[in-house]
Amino acid sequence: MKKQFGTYAAHQPGYEGFKQLGKLDDYVYQSLSHLGDASHKLSWSLTVLENTDVPKELQEEIKQVLQAVGDIKQKLRAHQG
């Protein structure tokens, strides 16, 4: 069944996977999943910069964002049902 355009269900990455897992009503789980994906991509963003002349300070800012996402995930886990 195609979801109505404009709803998060029509656009959310992984929606069908959440449906298969029975997690459509577990919004904290879904959020943690998306944050995990963001962490993974941030880590890769640092990896691809390893052999560049991008300033270390800028790379450090990315590391700080990555750490902040980790901290947020930890806090969000306290709200899991």
Protein backbone atom coordinates (compact mmCIF):
# COMPACT_ATOMS: atom_id res chain seq x y z
CA MET A 1 0.00 0.00 0.00
CA LYS A 2 1.48 3.32 -1.07
CA LYS A 3 1.63 5.93 1.68
CA GLN A 4 0.10 9.36 1.25
CA PHE A 5 2.56 11.98 -0.02
CA GLY A 6 3.45 14.44 2.72
CA THR A 7 3.32 11.91 5.52
CA TYR A 8 6.55 10.81 7.15
CA ALA A 9 5.63 7.25 6.16
CA ALA A 10 5.88 8.19 2.49
CA HIS A 11 9.43 9.50 2.90
CA GLN A 12 11.03 7.89 5.94
CA PRO A 13 14.13 5.83 5.16
CA GLY A 14 13.68 2.30 6.44
CA TYR A 15 9.91 2.57 6.83
CA GLU A 16 9.27 -0.89 5.38
CA GLY A 17 11.95 -2.37 7.64
CA PHE A 18 10.35 -0.81 10.71
CA LYS A 19 7.02 -2.23 9.54
CA GLN A 20 8.51 -5.73 9.18
CA LEU A 21 10.01 -5.47 12.67
CA GLY A 22 6.71 -4.35 14.16
CA LYS A 23 8.26 -1.02 15.15
CA LEU A 24 5.91 1.41 13.36
CA ASP A 25 4.64 2.71 16.69
CA ASP A 26 8.06 2.74 18.39
CA TYR A 27 9.19 6.23 17.51
CA VAL A 28 12.14 6.20 19.88
CA TYR A 29 13.45 3.05 18.18
CA GLN A 30 13.01 4.68 14.79
CA SER A 31 14.79 7.84 15.93
CA LEU A 32 17.68 5.82 17.37
CA SER A 33 17.94 3.93 14.11
CA HIS A 34 18.17 7.17 12.12
CA LEU A 35 20.69 8.62 14.56
CA GLY A 36 22.76 5.45 14.19
CA ASP A 37 22.72 5.94 10.43
CA ALA A 38 23.81 9.55 10.92
CA SER A 39 26.69 8.40 13.15
CA HIS A 40 27.77 5.89 10.54
CA LYS A 41 27.78 8.53 7.81
CA LEU A 42 29.62 11.05 9.99
CA SER A 43 32.29 8.44 10.66
CA TRP A 44 32.65 7.84 6.94
CA SER A 45 32.88 11.56 6.34
CA LEU A 46 35.95 11.61 8.55
CA THR A 47 37.41 8.54 6.89
CA VAL A 48 37.27 10.05 3.43
CA LEU A 49 39.00 13.19 4.70
CA GLU A 50 42.01 11.31 6.12
CA ASN A 51 44.29 11.99 3.14
CA THR A 52 43.19 15.51 2.33
CA ASP A 53 44.41 18.96 3.22
CA VAL A 54 41.15 19.78 5.02
CA PRO A 55 42.21 21.51 8.24
CA LYS A 56 42.40 19.27 11.30
CA GLU A 57 40.30 21.83 13.14
CA LEU A 58 37.42 21.25 10.73
CA GLN A 59 37.81 17.50 11.06
CA GLU A 60 37.74 17.96 14.82
CA GLU A 61 34.41 19.80 14.50
CA ILE A 62 32.99 16.76 12.73
CA LYS A 63 34.28 14.56 15.56
CA GLN A 64 32.50 16.82 18.05
CA VAL A 65 29.23 16.47 16.14
CA LEU A 66 29.71 12.72 16.09
CA GLN A 67 30.23 12.71 19.86
CA ALA A 68 27.15 14.90 20.34
CA VAL A 69 25.04 12.46 18.32
CA GLY A 70 26.32 9.64 20.54
CA ASP A 71 25.41 11.60 23.65
CA ILE A 72 21.91 12.29 22.30
CA LYS A 73 21.41 8.60 21.50
CA GLN A 74 22.36 7.71 25.06
CA LYS A 75 19.85 10.18 26.48
CA LEU A 76 17.15 9.01 24.07
CA ARG A 77 17.60 5.38 25.13
CA ALA A 78 16.29 6.39 28.55
CA HIS A 79 12.92 7.02 26.85
CA GLN A 80 12.61 3.59 25.26
CA GLY A 81 9.57 1.64 26.35
